[in-house]
Amino acid sequence: MSIAEQNSNLVIRRCNAEDVEEMKAFLKECITVNKYIYGEYDWMEFPLEDATYETFQETFGTGNLLLGLEDDVLQGIVVLTKKSAEKYKHVGNITLALRTDEHVSTMGKELIARMILVCKGKGVIRKVNLRVREDHFKIQEIYKNLGFYEEGSLARDVCQNGMFFSTLLYGRSID
């Protein structure tokens, strides 16, 4: 039984046109506090100010962006990005954004699990990658519980407030 089935207040679904303004506000909040974004995708490179439902769909594709709502309030977003080159089309990269750290073990876990199911259903993505800062232990445990394994690290990959952090690389085959 999934976490969403256990918690009737939790809903995971694809975005629709009515969600765009709430998504933009949520992502701006995540960027501003510079916390609770786990992964490779840099939302600062996405044109949030001018974003429309169509831009989200063009950038990520149908089903490659899932929302997590609790009591009808957006609490998390997971996005799957991929490269267009033929030799990489089987690899997806997941980035997770959460409103708070408390949502990691519930909303975060469920969003990633659902994105894996989306990948399996489409049949194109055969391997999923994640990145996580070395000091984010809670999300690392979630990744391991979902079948991800550590593949390597990038030393001094992130600099925040003058402090350097390594990034750990996680992967999981889904076929």
N, C-alpha and C. Protein backbone atom coordinates (compact mmCIF):
# COMPACT_ATOMS: atom_id res chain seq x y z
N MET A 1 0.84 -1.17 0.00
CA MET A 1 0.00 0.00 0.00
C MET A 1 0.89 1.24 0.00
N SER A 2 0.60 2.17 -0.91
CA SER A 2 1.41 3.38 -1.01
C SER A 2 1.06 4.36 0.11
N ILE A 3 1.94 5.32 0.29
CA ILE A 3 1.72 6.34 1.32
C ILE A 3 0.45 7.13 1.00
N ALA A 4 0.22 7.41 -0.30
CA ALA A 4 -0.98 8.15 -0.68
C ALA A 4 -2.24 7.38 -0.34
N GLU A 5 -2.21 6.05 -0.48
CA GLU A 5 -3.38 5.24 -0.14
C GLU A 5 -3.60 5.21 1.37
N GLN A 6 -2.51 5.29 2.14
CA GLN A 6 -2.61 5.28 3.60
C GLN A 6 -3.11 6.63 4.13
N ASN A 7 -2.79 7.70 3.44
CA ASN A 7 -3.13 9.05 3.87
C ASN A 7 -4.10 9.65 2.87
N SER A 8 -5.37 9.68 3.20
CA SER A 8 -6.39 10.15 2.25
C SER A 8 -6.26 11.63 1.94
N ASN A 9 -5.46 12.38 2.71
CA ASN A 9 -5.26 13.80 2.45
C ASN A 9 -4.17 14.06 1.42
N LEU A 10 -3.45 13.00 1.02
CA LEU A 10 -2.33 13.11 0.11
C LEU A 10 -2.75 12.69 -1.30
N VAL A 11 -2.49 13.57 -2.27
CA VAL A 11 -2.85 13.30 -3.66
C VAL A 11 -1.62 13.54 -4.53
N ILE A 12 -1.32 12.58 -5.40
CA ILE A 12 -0.25 12.73 -6.39
C ILE A 12 -0.91 12.73 -7.75
N ARG A 13 -0.61 13.75 -8.56
CA ARG A 13 -1.24 13.83 -9.88
C ARG A 13 -0.42 14.67 -10.84
N ARG A 14 -0.77 14.57 -12.11
CA ARG A 14 -0.16 15.42 -13.13
C ARG A 14 -0.67 16.84 -12.96
N CYS A 15 0.11 17.78 -13.45
CA CYS A 15 -0.33 19.17 -13.37
C CYS A 15 -1.34 19.46 -14.48
N ASN A 16 -2.13 20.49 -14.28
CA ASN A 16 -3.03 20.97 -15.32
C ASN A 16 -2.92 22.49 -15.39
N ALA A 17 -3.61 23.08 -16.32
CA ALA A 17 -3.48 24.53 -16.57
C ALA A 17 -3.82 25.35 -15.33
N GLU A 18 -4.74 24.88 -14.51
CA GLU A 18 -5.14 25.63 -13.32
C GLU A 18 -4.06 25.64 -12.25
N ASP A 19 -3.08 24.76 -12.33
CA ASP A 19 -2.03 24.65 -11.32
C ASP A 19 -0.85 25.60 -11.53
N VAL A 20 -0.75 26.22 -12.67
CA VAL A 20 0.47 26.94 -13.05
C VAL A 20 0.85 28.03 -12.06
N GLU A 21 -0.07 28.88 -11.67
CA GLU A 21 0.27 29.98 -10.77
C GLU A 21 0.73 29.46 -9.40
N GLU A 22 0.07 28.42 -8.90
CA GLU A 22 0.47 27.84 -7.62
C GLU A 22 1.84 27.18 -7.74
N MET A 23 2.11 26.52 -8.88
CA MET A 23 3.42 25.90 -9.10
C MET A 23 4.51 26.95 -9.14
N LYS A 24 4.26 28.04 -9.84
CA LYS A 24 5.25 29.11 -9.93
C LYS A 24 5.56 29.70 -8.55
N ALA A 25 4.53 29.96 -7.76
CA ALA A 25 4.73 30.51 -6.42
C ALA A 25 5.50 29.51 -5.54
N PHE A 26 5.15 28.24 -5.64
CA PHE A 26 5.82 27.20 -4.86
C PHE A 26 7.30 27.13 -5.23
N LEU A 27 7.60 27.10 -6.51
CA LEU A 27 9.00 27.00 -6.95
C LEU A 27 9.79 28.25 -6.59
N LYS A 28 9.19 29.42 -6.70
CA LYS A 28 9.87 30.65 -6.27
C LYS A 28 10.22 30.59 -4.79
N GLU A 29 9.29 30.07 -3.99
CA GLU A 29 9.53 29.93 -2.55
C GLU A 29 10.71 28.98 -2.31
N CYS A 30 10.73 27.85 -3.01
CA CYS A 30 11.83 26.88 -2.85
C CYS A 30 13.17 27.50 -3.24
N ILE A 31 13.18 28.25 -4.32
CA ILE A 31 14.42 28.89 -4.79
C ILE A 31 14.87 29.94 -3.79
N THR A 32 13.93 30.72 -3.27
CA THR A 32 14.25 31.80 -2.35
C THR A 32 14.89 31.28 -1.07
N VAL A 33 14.33 30.23 -0.48
CA VAL A 33 14.89 29.71 0.76
C VAL A 33 16.08 28.79 0.49
N ASN A 34 16.25 28.41 -0.78
CA ASN A 34 17.39 27.60 -1.22
C ASN A 34 17.48 26.30 -0.43
N LYS A 35 16.34 25.71 -0.17
CA LYS A 35 16.28 24.46 0.58
C LYS A 35 15.27 23.54 -0.09
N TYR A 36 15.37 22.29 0.26
CA TYR A 36 14.39 21.29 -0.10
C TYR A 36 14.23 21.06 -1.60
N ILE A 37 15.27 21.35 -2.36
CA ILE A 37 15.31 20.96 -3.77
C ILE A 37 16.44 19.95 -3.89
N TYR A 38 16.08 18.75 -4.32
CA TYR A 38 17.04 17.65 -4.40
C TYR A 38 17.11 17.20 -5.85
N GLY A 39 18.26 17.33 -6.46
CA GLY A 39 18.42 16.86 -7.82
C GLY A 39 19.23 17.78 -8.67
N GLU A 40 19.23 17.48 -9.95
CA GLU A 40 20.09 18.15 -10.90
C GLU A 40 19.45 19.38 -11.54
N TYR A 41 18.14 19.35 -11.75
CA TYR A 41 17.49 20.42 -12.49
C TYR A 41 17.55 21.72 -11.71
N ASP A 42 17.93 22.78 -12.38
CA ASP A 42 18.03 24.09 -11.76
C ASP A 42 16.82 24.93 -12.16
N TRP A 43 15.88 25.08 -11.25
CA TRP A 43 14.66 25.83 -11.55
C TRP A 43 14.94 27.28 -11.86
N MET A 44 16.13 27.78 -11.46
CA MET A 44 16.45 29.17 -11.75
C MET A 44 16.66 29.38 -13.25
N GLU A 45 16.91 28.30 -13.99
CA GLU A 45 17.10 28.40 -15.44
C GLU A 45 15.77 28.32 -16.20
N PHE A 46 14.71 27.96 -15.51
CA PHE A 46 13.38 27.87 -16.13
C PHE A 46 12.73 29.25 -16.03
N PRO A 47 12.15 29.76 -17.11
CA PRO A 47 11.55 31.11 -17.08
C PRO A 47 10.23 31.13 -16.30
N LEU A 48 10.32 31.11 -14.97
CA LEU A 48 9.13 31.03 -14.13
C LEU A 48 8.18 32.21 -14.32
N GLU A 49 8.72 33.40 -14.44
CA GLU A 49 7.87 34.59 -14.55
C GLU A 49 6.90 34.50 -15.72
N ASP A 50 7.40 34.01 -16.86
CA ASP A 50 6.58 33.94 -18.07
C ASP A 50 5.99 32.57 -18.32
N ALA A 51 6.18 31.64 -17.39
CA ALA A 51 5.77 30.26 -17.62
C ALA A 51 4.25 30.13 -17.75
N THR A 52 3.87 29.28 -18.67
CA THR A 52 2.46 28.93 -18.86
C THR A 52 2.36 27.41 -18.80
N TYR A 53 1.16 26.92 -18.80
CA TYR A 53 0.96 25.47 -18.82
C TYR A 53 1.67 24.87 -20.04
N GLU A 54 1.57 25.56 -21.15
CA GLU A 54 2.20 25.08 -22.38
C GLU A 54 3.73 25.01 -22.26
N THR A 55 4.33 26.02 -21.59
CA THR A 55 5.79 25.98 -21.44
C THR A 55 6.22 24.83 -20.54
N PHE A 56 5.45 24.56 -19.49
CA PHE A 56 5.76 23.41 -18.65
C PHE A 56 5.68 22.12 -19.46
N GLN A 57 4.63 22.00 -20.27
CA GLN A 57 4.45 20.79 -21.07
C GLN A 57 5.53 20.64 -22.14
N GLU A 58 5.89 21.75 -22.79
CA GLU A 58 6.93 21.71 -23.81
C GLU A 58 8.29 21.36 -23.21
N THR A 59 8.58 21.90 -22.05
CA THR A 59 9.87 21.67 -21.41
C THR A 59 10.01 20.26 -20.87
N PHE A 60 8.95 19.75 -20.22
CA PHE A 60 9.07 18.47 -19.52
C PHE A 60 8.30 17.34 -20.17
N GLY A 61 7.29 17.63 -20.95
CA GLY A 61 6.48 16.58 -21.55
C GLY A 61 5.37 16.13 -20.62
N THR A 62 4.38 15.48 -21.20
CA THR A 62 3.24 15.01 -20.43
C THR A 62 3.65 13.92 -19.45
N GLY A 63 3.29 14.09 -18.20
CA GLY A 63 3.58 13.09 -17.17
C GLY A 63 4.96 13.19 -16.56
N ASN A 64 5.82 14.04 -17.09
CA ASN A 64 7.17 14.16 -16.56
C ASN A 64 7.27 15.18 -15.43
N LEU A 65 6.13 15.66 -14.99
CA LEU A 65 6.06 16.58 -13.87
C LEU A 65 4.84 16.19 -13.05
N LEU A 66 5.07 15.77 -11.82
CA LEU A 66 3.97 15.35 -10.94
C LEU A 66 3.91 16.27 -9.72
N LEU A 67 2.70 16.50 -9.27
CA LEU A 67 2.46 17.34 -8.10
C LEU A 67 2.04 16.49 -6.92
N GLY A 68 2.46 16.89 -5.74
CA GLY A 68 2.02 16.25 -4.51
C GLY A 68 1.26 17.27 -3.68
N LEU A 69 0.01 16.97 -3.41
CA LEU A 69 -0.83 17.87 -2.63
C LEU A 69 -1.26 17.19 -1.34
N GLU A 70 -1.31 17.97 -0.29
CA GLU A 70 -1.81 17.49 0.99
C GLU A 70 -2.87 18.48 1.43
N ASP A 71 -4.09 17.98 1.65
CA ASP A 71 -5.23 18.84 1.97
C ASP A 71 -5.39 19.94 0.92
N ASP A 72 -5.22 19.56 -0.34
CA ASP A 72 -5.37 20.45 -1.50
C ASP A 72 -4.35 21.58 -1.57
N VAL A 73 -3.25 21.48 -0.82
CA VAL A 73 -2.18 22.48 -0.86
C VAL A 73 -0.94 21.82 -1.46
N LEU A 74 -0.34 22.47 -2.44
CA LEU A 74 0.86 21.95 -3.09
C LEU A 74 2.00 21.86 -2.08
N GLN A 75 2.54 20.66 -1.92
CA GLN A 75 3.63 20.43 -0.97
C GLN A 75 4.88 19.89 -1.65
N GLY A 76 4.76 19.42 -2.90
CA GLY A 76 5.93 18.87 -3.56
C GLY A 76 5.74 18.74 -5.06
N ILE A 77 6.86 18.79 -5.76
CA ILE A 77 6.89 18.61 -7.22
C ILE A 77 8.07 17.71 -7.54
N VAL A 78 7.84 16.75 -8.42
CA VAL A 78 8.94 15.95 -8.94
C VAL A 78 8.94 16.12 -10.45
N VAL A 79 10.13 16.29 -11.00
CA VAL A 79 10.25 16.48 -12.44
C VAL A 79 11.29 15.50 -12.98
N LEU A 80 10.99 14.96 -14.14
CA LEU A 80 11.91 14.07 -14.84
C LEU A 80 12.43 14.83 -16.06
N THR A 81 13.73 14.97 -16.14
CA THR A 81 14.33 15.61 -17.31
C THR A 81 15.18 14.57 -18.02
N LYS A 82 15.37 14.78 -19.30
CA LYS A 82 16.21 13.87 -20.08
C LYS A 82 16.84 14.63 -21.22
N LYS A 83 17.90 14.06 -21.74
CA LYS A 83 18.58 14.67 -22.87
C LYS A 83 17.94 14.16 -24.15
N SER A 84 18.05 14.96 -25.20
CA SER A 84 17.41 14.57 -26.46
C SER A 84 18.29 13.69 -27.35
N ALA A 85 19.59 13.64 -27.07
CA ALA A 85 20.49 12.83 -27.90
C ALA A 85 20.09 11.36 -27.82
N GLU A 86 20.12 10.69 -28.93
CA GLU A 86 19.71 9.29 -29.04
C GLU A 86 20.39 8.39 -28.02
N LYS A 87 21.69 8.60 -27.81
CA LYS A 87 22.43 7.70 -26.92
C LYS A 87 22.07 7.88 -25.45
N TYR A 88 21.33 8.96 -25.10
CA TYR A 88 20.93 9.20 -23.71
C TYR A 88 19.42 9.12 -23.50
N LYS A 89 18.65 8.82 -24.52
CA LYS A 89 17.20 8.89 -24.38
C LYS A 89 16.63 7.89 -23.39
N HIS A 90 17.40 6.89 -23.00
CA HIS A 90 16.94 5.88 -22.04
C HIS A 90 17.19 6.28 -20.58
N VAL A 91 17.81 7.44 -20.36
CA VAL A 91 18.17 7.88 -19.01
C VAL A 91 17.34 9.10 -18.62
N GLY A 92 16.73 9.03 -17.44
CA GLY A 92 15.99 10.16 -16.89
C GLY A 92 16.65 10.66 -15.63
N ASN A 93 16.55 11.95 -15.39
CA ASN A 93 17.11 12.57 -14.19
C ASN A 93 15.98 13.17 -13.38
N ILE A 94 15.91 12.78 -12.12
CA ILE A 94 14.82 13.23 -11.25
C ILE A 94 15.28 14.35 -10.34
N THR A 95 14.45 15.39 -10.24
CA THR A 95 14.65 16.47 -9.28
C THR A 95 13.36 16.61 -8.48
N LEU A 96 13.53 16.73 -7.19
CA LEU A 96 12.41 16.80 -6.26
C LEU A 96 12.45 18.14 -5.54
N ALA A 97 11.31 18.79 -5.44
CA ALA A 97 11.18 20.03 -4.67
C ALA A 97 10.08 19.83 -3.65
N LEU A 98 10.38 20.13 -2.38
CA LEU A 98 9.41 19.96 -1.30
C LEU A 98 9.26 21.25 -0.51
N ARG A 99 8.09 21.46 0.05
CA ARG A 99 7.86 22.67 0.84
C ARG A 99 8.69 22.66 2.12
N THR A 100 8.77 21.52 2.78
CA THR A 100 9.55 21.43 4.01
C THR A 100 10.29 20.10 4.07
N ASP A 101 11.25 20.03 4.94
CA ASP A 101 12.03 18.80 5.15
C ASP A 101 11.16 17.69 5.74
N GLU A 102 10.10 18.05 6.45
CA GLU A 102 9.21 17.05 7.04
C GLU A 102 8.50 16.21 5.99
N HIS A 103 8.43 16.70 4.75
CA HIS A 103 7.74 15.97 3.69
C HIS A 103 8.62 14.95 2.97
N VAL A 104 9.90 14.87 3.33
CA VAL A 104 10.82 13.97 2.63
C VAL A 104 10.35 12.52 2.70
N SER A 105 10.05 12.03 3.90
CA SER A 105 9.75 10.60 4.04
C SER A 105 8.33 10.22 3.62
N THR A 106 7.46 11.19 3.41
CA THR A 106 6.11 10.88 2.95
C THR A 106 5.93 11.35 1.51
N MET A 107 5.75 12.62 1.34
CA MET A 107 5.51 13.19 0.02
C MET A 107 6.67 12.93 -0.94
N GLY A 108 7.90 13.14 -0.48
CA GLY A 108 9.06 12.95 -1.34
C GLY A 108 9.17 11.52 -1.83
N LYS A 109 9.02 10.59 -0.91
CA LYS A 109 9.10 9.17 -1.26
C LYS A 109 8.01 8.79 -2.26
N GLU A 110 6.80 9.24 -2.02
CA GLU A 110 5.68 8.90 -2.90
C GLU A 110 5.84 9.53 -4.29
N LEU A 111 6.30 10.77 -4.35
CA LEU A 111 6.50 11.42 -5.65
C LEU A 111 7.54 10.68 -6.49
N ILE A 112 8.64 10.29 -5.88
CA ILE A 112 9.68 9.57 -6.61
C ILE A 112 9.17 8.20 -7.05
N ALA A 113 8.48 7.50 -6.17
CA ALA A 113 7.93 6.19 -6.52
C ALA A 113 6.96 6.30 -7.68
N ARG A 114 6.13 7.31 -7.68
CA ARG A 114 5.17 7.50 -8.77
C ARG A 114 5.86 7.86 -10.08
N MET A 115 6.93 8.66 -10.00
CA MET A 115 7.65 9.01 -11.22
C MET A 115 8.30 7.77 -11.82
N ILE A 116 8.79 6.87 -10.98
CA ILE A 116 9.36 5.62 -11.48
C ILE A 116 8.28 4.81 -12.21
N LEU A 117 7.07 4.79 -11.66
CA LEU A 117 5.97 4.10 -12.32
C LEU A 117 5.63 4.73 -13.66
N VAL A 118 5.67 6.06 -13.74
CA VAL A 118 5.44 6.75 -15.00
C VAL A 118 6.48 6.31 -16.03
N CYS A 119 7.75 6.26 -15.60
CA CYS A 119 8.83 5.84 -16.50
C CYS A 119 8.62 4.41 -16.99
N LYS A 120 8.26 3.53 -16.08
CA LYS A 120 8.00 2.13 -16.46
C LYS A 120 6.86 2.05 -17.47
N GLY A 121 5.82 2.84 -17.23
CA GLY A 121 4.65 2.82 -18.10
C GLY A 121 4.95 3.30 -19.50
N LYS A 122 5.80 4.30 -19.63
CA LYS A 122 6.14 4.83 -20.95
C LYS A 122 7.09 3.92 -21.71
N GLY A 123 7.95 3.20 -20.97
CA GLY A 123 8.85 2.24 -21.59
C GLY A 123 10.06 2.82 -22.29
N VAL A 124 10.28 4.11 -22.22
CA VAL A 124 11.43 4.73 -22.87
C VAL A 124 12.60 4.83 -21.90
N ILE A 125 12.33 5.35 -20.71
CA ILE A 125 13.36 5.50 -19.69
C ILE A 125 13.65 4.13 -19.08
N ARG A 126 14.92 3.74 -19.08
CA ARG A 126 15.32 2.44 -18.54
C ARG A 126 16.19 2.59 -17.29
N LYS A 127 16.68 3.81 -17.06
CA LYS A 127 17.52 4.08 -15.89
C LYS A 127 17.21 5.49 -15.40
N VAL A 128 17.14 5.62 -14.07
CA VAL A 128 16.85 6.92 -13.47
C VAL A 128 18.02 7.32 -12.60
N ASN A 129 18.42 8.58 -12.71
CA ASN A 129 19.53 9.13 -11.91
C ASN A 129 19.01 10.21 -10.97
N LEU A 130 19.70 10.34 -9.85
CA LEU A 130 19.41 11.38 -8.87
C LEU A 130 20.72 11.95 -8.38
N ARG A 131 20.67 13.18 -7.94
CA ARG A 131 21.83 13.80 -7.29
C ARG A 131 21.39 14.31 -5.93
N VAL A 132 22.30 14.22 -4.97
CA VAL A 132 21.97 14.70 -3.63
C VAL A 132 23.24 15.20 -2.96
N ARG A 133 23.10 16.28 -2.24
CA ARG A 133 24.24 16.81 -1.50
C ARG A 133 24.64 15.82 -0.41
N GLU A 134 25.91 15.72 -0.14
CA GLU A 134 26.46 14.73 0.79
C GLU A 134 25.89 14.82 2.20
N ASP A 135 25.42 15.98 2.62
CA ASP A 135 24.93 16.15 3.98
C ASP A 135 23.41 16.01 4.11
N HIS A 136 22.73 15.62 3.04
CA HIS A 136 21.28 15.41 3.09
C HIS A 136 21.00 13.93 3.34
N PHE A 137 21.22 13.50 4.57
CA PHE A 137 21.15 12.09 4.92
C PHE A 137 19.75 11.51 4.84
N LYS A 138 18.76 12.29 5.21
CA LYS A 138 17.38 11.79 5.24
C LYS A 138 16.92 11.38 3.83
N ILE A 139 17.17 12.21 2.85
CA ILE A 139 16.73 11.89 1.49
C ILE A 139 17.58 10.75 0.90
N GLN A 140 18.83 10.65 1.31
CA GLN A 140 19.66 9.53 0.85
C GLN A 140 19.06 8.20 1.28
N GLU A 141 18.55 8.13 2.50
CA GLU A 141 17.91 6.90 2.99
C GLU A 141 16.66 6.58 2.19
N ILE A 142 15.90 7.61 1.85
CA ILE A 142 14.69 7.40 1.03
C ILE A 142 15.09 6.82 -0.32
N TYR A 143 16.11 7.39 -0.94
CA TYR A 143 16.57 6.88 -2.23
C TYR A 143 16.97 5.41 -2.13
N LYS A 144 17.72 5.07 -1.11
CA LYS A 144 18.15 3.68 -0.92
C LYS A 144 16.95 2.76 -0.72
N ASN A 145 15.97 3.21 0.04
CA ASN A 145 14.76 2.41 0.26
C ASN A 145 13.96 2.20 -1.02
N LEU A 146 14.11 3.09 -1.97
CA LEU A 146 13.41 2.97 -3.25
C LEU A 146 14.24 2.21 -4.29
N GLY A 147 15.36 1.65 -3.87
CA GLY A 147 16.16 0.82 -4.78
C GLY A 147 17.28 1.52 -5.50
N PHE A 148 17.56 2.76 -5.15
CA PHE A 148 18.68 3.48 -5.75
C PHE A 148 19.98 3.07 -5.08
N TYR A 149 21.06 3.15 -5.80
CA TYR A 149 22.37 2.81 -5.28
C TYR A 149 23.34 3.94 -5.62
N GLU A 150 24.31 4.14 -4.74
CA GLU A 150 25.29 5.20 -4.95
C GLU A 150 26.25 4.79 -6.05
N GLU A 151 26.45 5.67 -7.02
CA GLU A 151 27.32 5.38 -8.16
C GLU A 151 28.61 6.18 -8.14
N GLY A 152 28.65 7.23 -7.36
CA GLY A 152 29.86 8.05 -7.33
C GLY A 152 29.60 9.38 -6.66
N SER A 153 30.59 10.25 -6.76
CA SER A 153 30.44 11.57 -6.15
C SER A 153 31.21 12.61 -6.97
N LEU A 154 30.80 13.84 -6.79
CA LEU A 154 31.46 14.98 -7.40
C LEU A 154 31.94 15.88 -6.26
N ALA A 155 33.25 15.93 -6.06
CA ALA A 155 33.82 16.69 -4.95
C ALA A 155 33.63 18.19 -5.15
N ARG A 156 33.29 18.88 -4.06
CA ARG A 156 33.14 20.34 -4.05
C ARG A 156 32.24 20.83 -5.18
N ASP A 157 31.16 20.11 -5.42
CA ASP A 157 30.26 20.39 -6.53
C ASP A 157 29.32 21.55 -6.25
N VAL A 158 29.02 21.79 -4.98
CA VAL A 158 28.08 22.83 -4.58
C VAL A 158 28.77 23.77 -3.60
N CYS A 159 28.55 25.07 -3.81
CA CYS A 159 29.06 26.05 -2.86
C CYS A 159 27.87 26.87 -2.37
N GLN A 160 27.63 26.80 -1.06
CA GLN A 160 26.54 27.55 -0.47
C GLN A 160 27.06 28.31 0.73
N ASN A 161 26.85 29.60 0.71
CA ASN A 161 27.30 30.46 1.81
C ASN A 161 28.78 30.26 2.12
N GLY A 162 29.57 30.09 1.08
CA GLY A 162 31.01 29.94 1.24
C GLY A 162 31.47 28.55 1.65
N MET A 163 30.54 27.62 1.82
CA MET A 163 30.88 26.24 2.19
C MET A 163 30.73 25.33 0.97
N PHE A 164 31.69 24.43 0.80
CA PHE A 164 31.65 23.49 -0.31
C PHE A 164 31.09 22.14 0.15
N PHE A 165 30.29 21.54 -0.73
CA PHE A 165 29.69 20.23 -0.48
C PHE A 165 29.90 19.35 -1.70
N SER A 166 30.11 18.08 -1.47
CA SER A 166 30.16 17.12 -2.56
C SER A 166 28.74 16.70 -2.90
N THR A 167 28.56 16.28 -4.14
CA THR A 167 27.28 15.75 -4.59
C THR A 167 27.44 14.26 -4.79
N LEU A 168 26.48 13.50 -4.25
CA LEU A 168 26.47 12.04 -4.44
C LEU A 168 25.56 11.72 -5.61
N LEU A 169 25.99 10.79 -6.44
CA LEU A 169 25.23 10.38 -7.61
C LEU A 169 24.57 9.02 -7.32
N TYR A 170 23.28 8.95 -7.52
CA TYR A 170 22.52 7.73 -7.32
C TYR A 170 21.88 7.32 -8.63
N GLY A 171 21.72 6.02 -8.82
CA GLY A 171 21.08 5.51 -10.01
C GLY A 171 20.20 4.30 -9.69
N ARG A 172 19.30 4.00 -10.61
CA ARG A 172 18.44 2.83 -10.47
C ARG A 172 17.95 2.40 -11.85
N SER A 173 18.16 1.14 -12.17
CA SER A 173 17.57 0.59 -13.39
C SER A 173 16.10 0.32 -13.12
N ILE A 174 15.27 0.54 -14.13
CA ILE A 174 13.83 0.32 -13.90
C ILE A 174 13.25 -0.72 -14.84
N ASP A 175 14.09 -1.49 -15.49
CA ASP A 175 13.53 -2.56 -16.33
C ASP A 175 13.94 -3.92 -15.85
